[in-house]
Amino acid sequence: MKKIVFLALSVMLVTTACAPDFSKEEEVVQKTDDNKQKAVISKYSISDDTYQSVLPFKESKSRGLTVSNLNTRLDVKEFESGLTRLSKDEFSTDDYYYQEGQYLDEDTISSWLRRKWTEEQYKDVLKDYDKEERDKVKNVGLNPINTGEGSAAEQSEKSPIYLAHILEQDYLVKDGDELKLGGVSIGLAMNSVYYYTQEKGYPREKKISREKLQEEGEKMAAEIVQRMRKIKGLENVPITVGLFEQEEKSSLVPGSYFAKATAKKGSSELGSWDKIDEGYYLFPSNAVAADERSDSDMFGNFKAEIQDYFPNYTNIIGRGFYQNGELQEMTIDIPIQFFGEQEITGFTQYIAGLVMEHFPSYLKVNVNISTVQGPEALISREPDEKKPFVHIYK
């Protein structure tokens, strides 16, 4: 059983008087094109910058595809959370409620992720289906045709797989005592590296430039919006599309969104594309030392002080999230070999003090301390908080 141990040195106490009242809920009717059903909106929100969800929770129509189509768990998380973040520019957290995508199902997304077929390839594909099933097999793939001509390397150079996944998020609005769809956000996960197999079975890869990803992504986004306008319920709502560049399979940091555009209500045309300036650096790394020297030194000093007292535990890495050239959040993973309860408690107290000492108050910092058995402690310091929240798992 796990329980929270509050450390006097560094814990922010939450009293009963200021705890959220989860009993305060608002009952509404959720309206779709096909029916109406009762839904519940909690009046409590975790923060002003967080969307409230609608209960009962509806799973995405394409749940499960995200994990299988992206390279790393870090990409999976950032692909989803990053789309929610950029959606706030179009769909305010004050007026909109979050719901997982209900319009693009697994079959639809899978068919769009395929390669486009030549006429001859399409005929060959249809041979594998019964006559009554053939109408369901559409040649609607968004990735480029591969004619199969030339070597594997030549085919890869000519027609790599650009689009890895499509993610839908729905944003609802209140209309009296009813909830209805107010807007949709679509994330397109683009491959920065295309992996393929050479003729003799050797794995190979082709890097794809950001410029090429944007070129192809914009064309795919335009086609997707036109297709979505033909889906019942999506004819008139605004649709925001974000382009996400996923990292290579070996990356220790996630990818990031780099461009977005919106089709206004009823329009099948996307507006101008806006650049998104955000991304991640690995700490320590040559890249962050070259591009963000002061932040690199800050992390280096933090790590060095840990090594002074605990020289055997040096495998400390951080992931820094940047927006518009400024470090916004630092997540640090510290694997340890302590097994005694007091050792872990003492180490966590020490790290909590270093967090307050080394990182500026405007920066959000999360520290995960773990052993081979699993997570041992968490330290979290929100911007401008005088004390971090700390808990130790037991």
Protein backbone atom coordinates (compact mmCIF):
# COMPACT_ATOMS: atom_id res chain seq x y z
CA MET A 1 0.00 0.00 0.00
CA LYS A 2 1.20 3.48 -0.83
CA LYS A 3 0.83 6.44 1.47
CA ILE A 4 2.06 9.99 1.32
CA VAL A 5 4.76 11.06 3.72
CA PHE A 6 4.80 14.82 4.20
CA LEU A 7 8.27 16.25 4.69
CA ALA A 8 8.37 19.21 7.01
CA LEU A 9 11.28 20.71 5.11
CA SER A 10 9.54 21.13 1.83
CA VAL A 11 5.86 20.27 1.71
CA MET A 12 3.02 22.57 0.78
CA LEU A 13 0.16 21.61 3.10
CA VAL A 14 -3.37 21.43 1.75
CA THR A 15 -5.93 21.98 4.49
CA THR A 16 -9.48 20.73 4.57
CA ALA A 17 -10.83 24.27 4.38
CA CYS A 18 -9.35 24.92 0.96
CA ALA A 19 -9.75 21.43 -0.52
CA PRO A 20 -11.96 21.27 -3.61
CA ASP A 21 -15.60 20.31 -3.17
CA PHE A 22 -16.10 17.56 -5.72
CA SER A 23 -19.78 17.24 -4.78
CA LYS A 24 -20.60 20.46 -6.60
CA GLU A 25 -21.54 19.32 -10.07
CA GLU A 26 -23.71 20.63 -12.86
CA GLU A 27 -26.00 18.32 -14.80
CA VAL A 28 -26.49 19.14 -18.47
CA VAL A 29 -27.76 17.44 -21.60
CA GLN A 30 -25.12 16.54 -24.17
CA LYS A 31 -26.53 16.97 -27.66
CA THR A 32 -25.27 15.16 -30.75
CA ASP A 33 -26.79 14.88 -34.19
CA ASP A 34 -28.25 11.49 -33.31
CA ASN A 35 -29.43 11.77 -29.72
CA LYS A 36 -29.29 13.50 -26.36
CA GLN A 37 -27.95 12.12 -23.10
CA LYS A 38 -27.37 13.39 -19.59
CA ALA A 39 -23.86 14.55 -18.75
CA VAL A 40 -22.17 16.00 -15.67
CA ILE A 41 -19.68 18.86 -15.46
CA SER A 42 -17.79 19.30 -12.20
CA LYS A 43 -17.75 22.92 -11.01
CA TYR A 44 -14.22 22.38 -9.74
CA SER A 45 -11.28 22.85 -12.09
CA ILE A 46 -7.69 21.91 -11.20
CA SER A 47 -6.53 25.29 -12.51
CA ASP A 48 -7.73 28.16 -14.68
CA ASP A 49 -5.55 26.81 -17.47
CA THR A 50 -7.08 23.33 -17.45
CA TYR A 51 -10.10 22.12 -19.40
CA GLN A 52 -12.96 20.62 -17.44
CA SER A 53 -14.04 17.21 -18.68
CA VAL A 54 -17.52 15.88 -19.20
CA LEU A 55 -18.83 12.79 -17.39
CA PRO A 56 -19.49 10.03 -18.19
CA PHE A 57 -16.09 9.95 -19.87
CA LYS A 58 -16.22 8.91 -23.52
CA GLU A 59 -13.20 7.09 -24.88
CA SER A 60 -11.77 8.15 -28.21
CA LYS A 61 -13.18 6.28 -31.19
CA SER A 62 -9.58 5.52 -32.17
CA ARG A 63 -8.15 4.74 -28.73
CA GLY A 64 -5.07 2.53 -28.87
CA LEU A 65 -3.78 3.68 -32.24
CA THR A 66 -1.66 6.47 -30.73
CA VAL A 67 0.51 4.11 -28.71
CA SER A 68 1.09 1.73 -31.61
CA ASN A 69 1.82 4.42 -34.21
CA LEU A 70 4.30 6.64 -32.35
CA ASN A 71 7.96 5.92 -31.63
CA THR A 72 8.24 6.50 -27.87
CA ARG A 73 6.05 6.90 -24.80
CA LEU A 74 7.39 10.45 -24.54
CA ASP A 75 6.03 11.22 -28.01
CA VAL A 76 2.68 9.66 -27.11
CA LYS A 77 2.29 11.94 -24.09
CA GLU A 78 3.50 15.12 -25.79
CA PHE A 79 1.47 14.50 -28.96
CA GLU A 80 -1.70 14.52 -26.85
CA SER A 81 -0.84 17.16 -24.24
CA GLY A 82 0.74 19.45 -26.83
CA LEU A 83 -2.43 19.41 -28.93
CA THR A 84 -4.47 20.33 -25.86
CA ARG A 85 -2.05 23.18 -25.15
CA LEU A 86 -2.23 24.71 -28.62
CA SER A 87 -6.02 24.28 -28.67
CA LYS A 88 -6.32 26.85 -25.88
CA ASP A 89 -5.57 29.63 -28.37
CA GLU A 90 -8.77 28.79 -30.25
CA PHE A 91 -10.92 27.18 -27.57
CA SER A 92 -10.67 28.99 -24.22
CA THR A 93 -10.69 26.91 -21.04
CA ASP A 94 -13.28 29.39 -19.70
CA ASP A 95 -15.84 28.50 -22.36
CA TYR A 96 -15.02 25.04 -23.69
CA TYR A 97 -15.02 21.52 -22.23
CA TYR A 98 -12.71 18.71 -23.28
CA GLN A 99 -13.77 15.40 -24.76
CA GLU A 100 -11.77 12.72 -26.58
CA GLY A 101 -12.43 12.48 -30.31
CA GLN A 102 -15.81 10.99 -31.25
CA TYR A 103 -15.90 11.44 -35.03
CA LEU A 104 -12.79 9.84 -36.56
CA ASP A 105 -12.89 6.14 -35.72
CA GLU A 106 -10.09 3.58 -35.88
CA ASP A 107 -10.98 2.36 -39.38
CA THR A 108 -11.12 5.89 -40.77
CA ILE A 109 -7.78 6.95 -39.32
CA SER A 110 -6.10 3.69 -40.32
CA SER A 111 -7.28 4.10 -43.92
CA TRP A 112 -6.00 7.70 -44.04
CA LEU A 113 -2.60 6.66 -42.68
CA ARG A 114 -2.03 4.14 -45.47
CA ARG A 115 -0.14 4.86 -48.63
CA LYS A 116 -2.14 5.95 -51.65
CA TRP A 117 -2.37 3.03 -54.11
CA THR A 118 -1.87 3.05 -57.84
CA GLU A 119 -4.89 1.81 -59.82
CA GLU A 120 -3.20 -1.54 -60.32
CA GLN A 121 -2.32 -1.84 -56.62
CA TYR A 122 -5.89 -0.94 -55.68
CA LYS A 123 -7.29 -3.69 -57.91
CA ASP A 124 -4.93 -6.20 -56.31
CA VAL A 125 -6.02 -5.13 -52.82
CA LEU A 126 -9.71 -5.57 -53.68
CA LYS A 127 -9.09 -9.18 -54.74
CA ASP A 128 -8.64 -10.06 -51.06
CA TYR A 129 -12.19 -8.92 -50.20
CA ASP A 130 -15.63 -10.33 -50.91
CA LYS A 131 -17.78 -8.35 -53.34
CA GLU A 132 -20.02 -6.98 -50.58
CA GLU A 133 -16.98 -5.75 -48.63
CA ARG A 134 -15.14 -4.04 -51.48
CA ASP A 135 -17.15 -0.82 -51.25
CA LYS A 136 -15.75 -0.31 -47.75
CA VAL A 137 -12.13 -0.42 -48.97
CA LYS A 138 -11.34 3.11 -50.12
CA ASN A 139 -8.16 4.33 -51.77
CA VAL A 140 -7.86 7.30 -49.40
CA GLY A 141 -4.32 6.93 -48.04
CA LEU A 142 -2.54 10.23 -47.38
CA ASN A 143 1.00 8.88 -47.51
CA PRO A 144 2.67 8.83 -50.94
CA ILE A 145 2.38 6.05 -53.51
CA ASN A 146 5.21 3.54 -53.60
CA THR A 147 5.36 1.90 -57.02
CA GLY A 148 7.94 -0.61 -55.82
CA GLU A 149 10.39 0.41 -58.52
CA GLY A 150 14.10 0.62 -57.67
CA SER A 151 16.01 -0.43 -54.57
CA ALA A 152 14.64 -0.04 -51.05
CA ALA A 153 16.87 3.01 -50.58
CA GLU A 154 15.59 4.57 -53.81
CA GLN A 155 11.99 3.89 -52.83
CA SER A 156 12.63 5.42 -49.41
CA GLU A 157 14.18 8.52 -50.94
CA LYS A 158 11.28 8.99 -53.35
CA SER A 159 8.32 8.17 -51.13
CA PRO A 160 8.92 7.85 -47.38
CA ILE A 161 6.06 7.55 -44.90
CA TYR A 162 5.52 11.12 -43.69
CA LEU A 163 2.35 10.79 -41.61
CA ALA A 164 2.50 8.47 -38.58
CA HIS A 165 -0.74 9.26 -36.78
CA ILE A 166 -3.85 11.44 -36.61
CA LEU A 167 -5.31 12.54 -33.27
CA GLU A 168 -8.72 14.13 -32.72
CA GLN A 169 -9.79 16.17 -29.69
CA ASP A 170 -13.30 17.61 -29.32
CA TYR A 171 -14.20 20.83 -27.51
CA LEU A 172 -17.76 21.31 -26.29
CA VAL A 173 -19.68 24.48 -25.40
CA LYS A 174 -22.76 25.12 -23.31
CA ASP A 175 -25.95 26.27 -25.00
CA GLY A 176 -28.40 26.87 -22.18
CA ASP A 177 -28.60 23.57 -20.32
CA GLU A 178 -27.21 21.65 -23.27
CA LEU A 179 -23.68 20.79 -24.37
CA LYS A 180 -22.83 20.73 -28.05
CA LEU A 181 -19.71 20.45 -30.16
CA GLY A 182 -17.97 23.82 -30.39
CA GLY A 183 -14.74 22.92 -32.17
CA VAL A 184 -12.29 20.18 -33.08
CA SER A 185 -8.50 19.98 -32.93
CA ILE A 186 -6.52 17.59 -35.10
CA GLY A 187 -2.90 16.61 -34.50
CA LEU A 188 -0.80 15.21 -37.34
CA ALA A 189 2.26 13.28 -36.15
CA MET A 190 4.98 13.55 -38.80
CA ASN A 191 8.05 11.30 -39.03
CA SER A 192 11.39 13.05 -38.64
CA VAL A 193 12.96 9.67 -39.45
CA TYR A 194 11.55 7.04 -41.83
CA TYR A 195 12.61 3.49 -40.95
CA TYR A 196 12.77 0.83 -43.66
CA THR A 197 14.42 -2.52 -44.36
CA GLN A 198 16.99 -3.06 -47.08
CA GLU A 199 16.79 -5.99 -49.51
CA LYS A 200 18.99 -8.24 -47.36
CA GLY A 201 17.05 -7.45 -44.20
CA TYR A 202 19.29 -4.71 -42.84
CA PRO A 203 17.43 -1.91 -41.02
CA ARG A 204 17.96 1.53 -42.49
CA GLU A 205 16.63 5.02 -41.88
CA LYS A 206 16.05 8.23 -43.79
CA LYS A 207 15.97 11.60 -42.05
CA ILE A 208 13.28 14.03 -43.18
CA SER A 209 13.76 17.79 -42.85
CA ARG A 210 11.36 20.05 -40.93
CA GLU A 211 10.74 22.00 -44.16
CA LYS A 212 9.66 18.85 -46.01
CA LEU A 213 7.45 17.78 -43.12
CA GLN A 214 5.69 21.13 -43.16
CA GLU A 215 5.22 21.02 -46.92
CA GLU A 216 3.67 17.55 -46.82
CA GLY A 217 1.79 18.21 -43.58
CA GLU A 218 0.07 21.29 -44.96
CA LYS A 219 -1.16 19.35 -48.00
CA MET A 220 -2.43 16.51 -45.82
CA ALA A 221 -4.12 18.92 -43.40
CA ALA A 222 -5.98 20.62 -46.25
CA GLU A 223 -7.29 17.28 -47.50
CA ILE A 224 -8.28 16.13 -43.99
CA VAL A 225 -10.32 19.28 -43.35
CA GLN A 226 -12.21 18.82 -46.61
CA ARG A 227 -12.97 15.21 -45.69
CA MET A 228 -14.08 16.17 -42.18
CA ARG A 229 -16.57 18.70 -43.54
CA LYS A 230 -18.42 15.77 -45.12
CA ILE A 231 -18.83 14.01 -41.76
CA LYS A 232 -22.16 14.55 -40.04
CA GLY A 233 -21.73 16.97 -37.14
CA LEU A 234 -18.50 18.53 -38.41
CA GLU A 235 -19.94 20.67 -41.20
CA ASN A 236 -19.83 24.01 -39.40
CA VAL A 237 -17.48 23.89 -36.39
CA PRO A 238 -13.98 25.45 -36.41
CA ILE A 239 -11.18 22.92 -36.97
CA THR A 240 -7.64 23.57 -35.74
CA VAL A 241 -4.79 21.44 -37.12
CA GLY A 242 -1.34 21.15 -35.51
CA LEU A 243 1.75 19.59 -37.10
CA PHE A 244 3.85 17.51 -34.70
CA GLU A 245 7.39 16.30 -35.45
CA GLN A 246 8.01 13.07 -33.59
CA GLU A 247 11.54 12.20 -32.55
CA GLU A 248 13.57 9.16 -33.57
CA LYS A 249 13.08 5.88 -31.70
CA SER A 250 16.21 6.29 -29.55
CA SER A 251 15.42 9.82 -28.39
CA LEU A 252 15.30 10.63 -24.66
CA VAL A 253 13.14 13.72 -25.27
CA PRO A 254 9.77 13.98 -27.02
CA GLY A 255 9.00 15.72 -30.28
CA SER A 256 7.03 18.95 -30.51
CA TYR A 257 4.41 20.87 -32.48
CA PHE A 258 5.87 23.32 -34.96
CA ALA A 259 2.94 24.79 -36.93
CA LYS A 260 -0.84 25.21 -36.72
CA ALA A 261 -3.73 26.58 -38.76
CA THR A 262 -7.50 26.87 -38.33
CA ALA A 263 -10.47 26.46 -40.64
CA LYS A 264 -13.21 28.79 -39.46
CA LYS A 265 -16.84 27.76 -39.00
CA GLY A 266 -18.22 26.23 -42.17
CA SER A 267 -15.02 26.76 -44.15
CA SER A 268 -13.24 23.91 -45.89
CA GLU A 269 -10.09 26.00 -46.26
CA LEU A 270 -7.43 26.39 -43.58
CA GLY A 271 -6.23 29.89 -42.76
CA SER A 272 -2.59 30.93 -42.70
CA TRP A 273 -0.11 28.70 -40.91
CA ASP A 274 1.42 30.01 -37.69
CA LYS A 275 4.83 28.90 -36.44
CA ILE A 276 4.94 27.27 -33.00
CA ASP A 277 8.22 27.92 -31.21
CA GLU A 278 8.52 25.16 -28.64
CA GLY A 279 10.60 22.06 -28.05
CA TYR A 280 12.68 19.99 -25.65
CA TYR A 281 16.36 19.73 -24.74
CA LEU A 282 18.06 16.85 -23.00
CA PHE A 283 20.18 17.77 -19.94
CA PRO A 284 23.10 17.28 -20.01
CA SER A 285 23.83 17.27 -23.76
CA ASN A 286 26.07 18.97 -26.29
CA ALA A 287 23.02 20.55 -27.91
CA VAL A 288 21.82 22.37 -24.80
CA ALA A 289 25.39 23.37 -23.89
CA ALA A 290 25.75 25.02 -27.29
CA ASP A 291 22.30 26.62 -27.54
CA GLU A 292 21.30 27.36 -23.93
CA ARG A 293 24.56 27.74 -22.02
CA SER A 294 23.22 29.35 -18.85
CA ASP A 295 20.50 26.71 -18.45
CA SER A 296 23.05 23.98 -19.10
CA ASP A 297 25.32 25.40 -16.38
CA MET A 298 22.38 25.64 -13.97
CA PHE A 299 21.58 21.96 -14.40
CA GLY A 300 25.27 21.07 -14.23
CA ASN A 301 25.65 22.82 -10.88
CA PHE A 302 22.57 21.01 -9.55
CA LYS A 303 23.95 17.65 -10.65
CA ALA A 304 27.46 18.40 -9.35
CA GLU A 305 26.18 19.19 -5.88
CA ILE A 306 24.36 15.86 -5.76
CA GLN A 307 27.55 14.10 -6.82
CA ASP A 308 29.52 15.81 -4.05
CA TYR A 309 27.44 14.05 -1.40
CA PHE A 310 26.31 10.97 -3.34
CA PRO A 311 29.14 10.20 -5.80
CA ASN A 312 27.78 6.78 -6.76
CA TYR A 313 24.52 8.12 -8.17
CA THR A 314 25.38 10.17 -11.23
CA ASN A 315 22.94 8.96 -13.88
CA ILE A 316 20.77 12.06 -13.61
CA ILE A 317 19.00 13.37 -16.72
CA GLY A 318 16.63 16.25 -17.30
CA ARG A 319 14.19 17.27 -20.02
CA GLY A 320 13.71 20.99 -20.43
CA PHE A 321 10.60 22.34 -22.18
CA TYR A 322 11.09 25.63 -24.05
CA GLN A 323 8.53 28.06 -25.45
CA ASN A 324 9.56 31.07 -27.51
CA GLY A 325 13.18 30.52 -26.53
CA GLU A 326 12.53 30.47 -22.77
CA LEU A 327 12.81 27.50 -20.42
CA GLN A 328 9.35 26.85 -18.95
CA GLU A 329 9.56 23.46 -17.26
CA MET A 330 12.24 21.03 -16.12
CA THR A 331 11.58 17.33 -15.50
CA ILE A 332 14.42 15.44 -13.81
CA ASP A 333 14.79 11.68 -13.42
CA ILE A 334 17.09 10.39 -10.67
CA PRO A 335 17.59 6.61 -10.46
CA ILE A 336 19.01 5.51 -7.11
CA GLN A 337 20.12 2.31 -5.39
CA PHE A 338 19.04 3.11 -1.83
CA PHE A 339 16.85 0.51 -0.20
CA GLY A 340 16.45 1.84 3.34
CA GLU A 341 13.42 4.00 4.10
CA GLN A 342 15.45 6.60 5.96
CA GLU A 343 18.02 6.74 3.18
CA ILE A 344 15.33 7.53 0.62
CA THR A 345 13.71 10.09 2.92
CA GLY A 346 17.02 11.82 3.61
CA PHE A 347 18.00 11.85 -0.05
CA THR A 348 14.61 13.27 -1.07
CA GLN A 349 14.86 16.03 1.54
CA TYR A 350 18.29 16.94 0.24
CA ILE A 351 17.12 17.07 -3.40
CA ALA A 352 14.10 19.20 -2.45
CA GLY A 353 16.44 21.76 -0.93
CA LEU A 354 18.63 21.78 -4.06
CA VAL A 355 15.58 22.38 -6.25
CA MET A 356 14.78 25.55 -4.32
CA GLU A 357 18.42 26.63 -4.36
CA HIS A 358 19.37 26.05 -7.99
CA PHE A 359 16.25 26.67 -10.09
CA PRO A 360 14.63 30.12 -10.50
CA SER A 361 11.19 30.67 -8.99
CA TYR A 362 9.44 31.16 -12.34
CA LEU A 363 10.38 27.65 -13.47
CA LYS A 364 8.16 24.61 -12.95
CA VAL A 365 10.29 21.69 -11.72
CA ASN A 366 9.39 18.01 -11.33
CA VAL A 367 11.85 15.47 -9.91
CA ASN A 368 11.17 11.73 -10.11
CA ILE A 369 13.28 9.55 -7.81
CA SER A 370 13.15 5.83 -8.53
CA THR A 371 14.82 2.48 -7.95
CA VAL A 372 14.61 -0.73 -9.96
CA GLN A 373 11.51 -1.54 -7.90
CA GLY A 374 9.70 1.54 -9.24
CA PRO A 375 9.02 5.15 -8.18
CA GLU A 376 10.20 6.09 -4.69
CA ALA A 377 9.57 9.83 -4.39
CA LEU A 378 8.22 12.84 -6.25
CA ILE A 379 9.20 16.50 -5.82
CA SER A 380 7.09 19.12 -7.59
CA ARG A 381 7.58 22.89 -7.47
CA GLU A 382 5.08 25.11 -9.28
CA PRO A 383 6.15 28.57 -10.52
CA ASP A 384 6.48 31.17 -7.75
CA GLU A 385 5.71 28.67 -4.97
CA LYS A 386 7.87 29.10 -1.88
CA LYS A 387 7.84 25.40 -1.02
CA PRO A 388 7.74 22.33 -3.23
CA PHE A 389 5.26 19.53 -2.78
CA VAL A 390 7.01 16.29 -1.80
CA HIS A 391 5.75 12.79 -1.27
CA ILE A 392 7.42 9.45 -0.75
CA TYR A 393 5.81 6.20 -1.82
CA LYS A 394 5.70 3.35 0.68
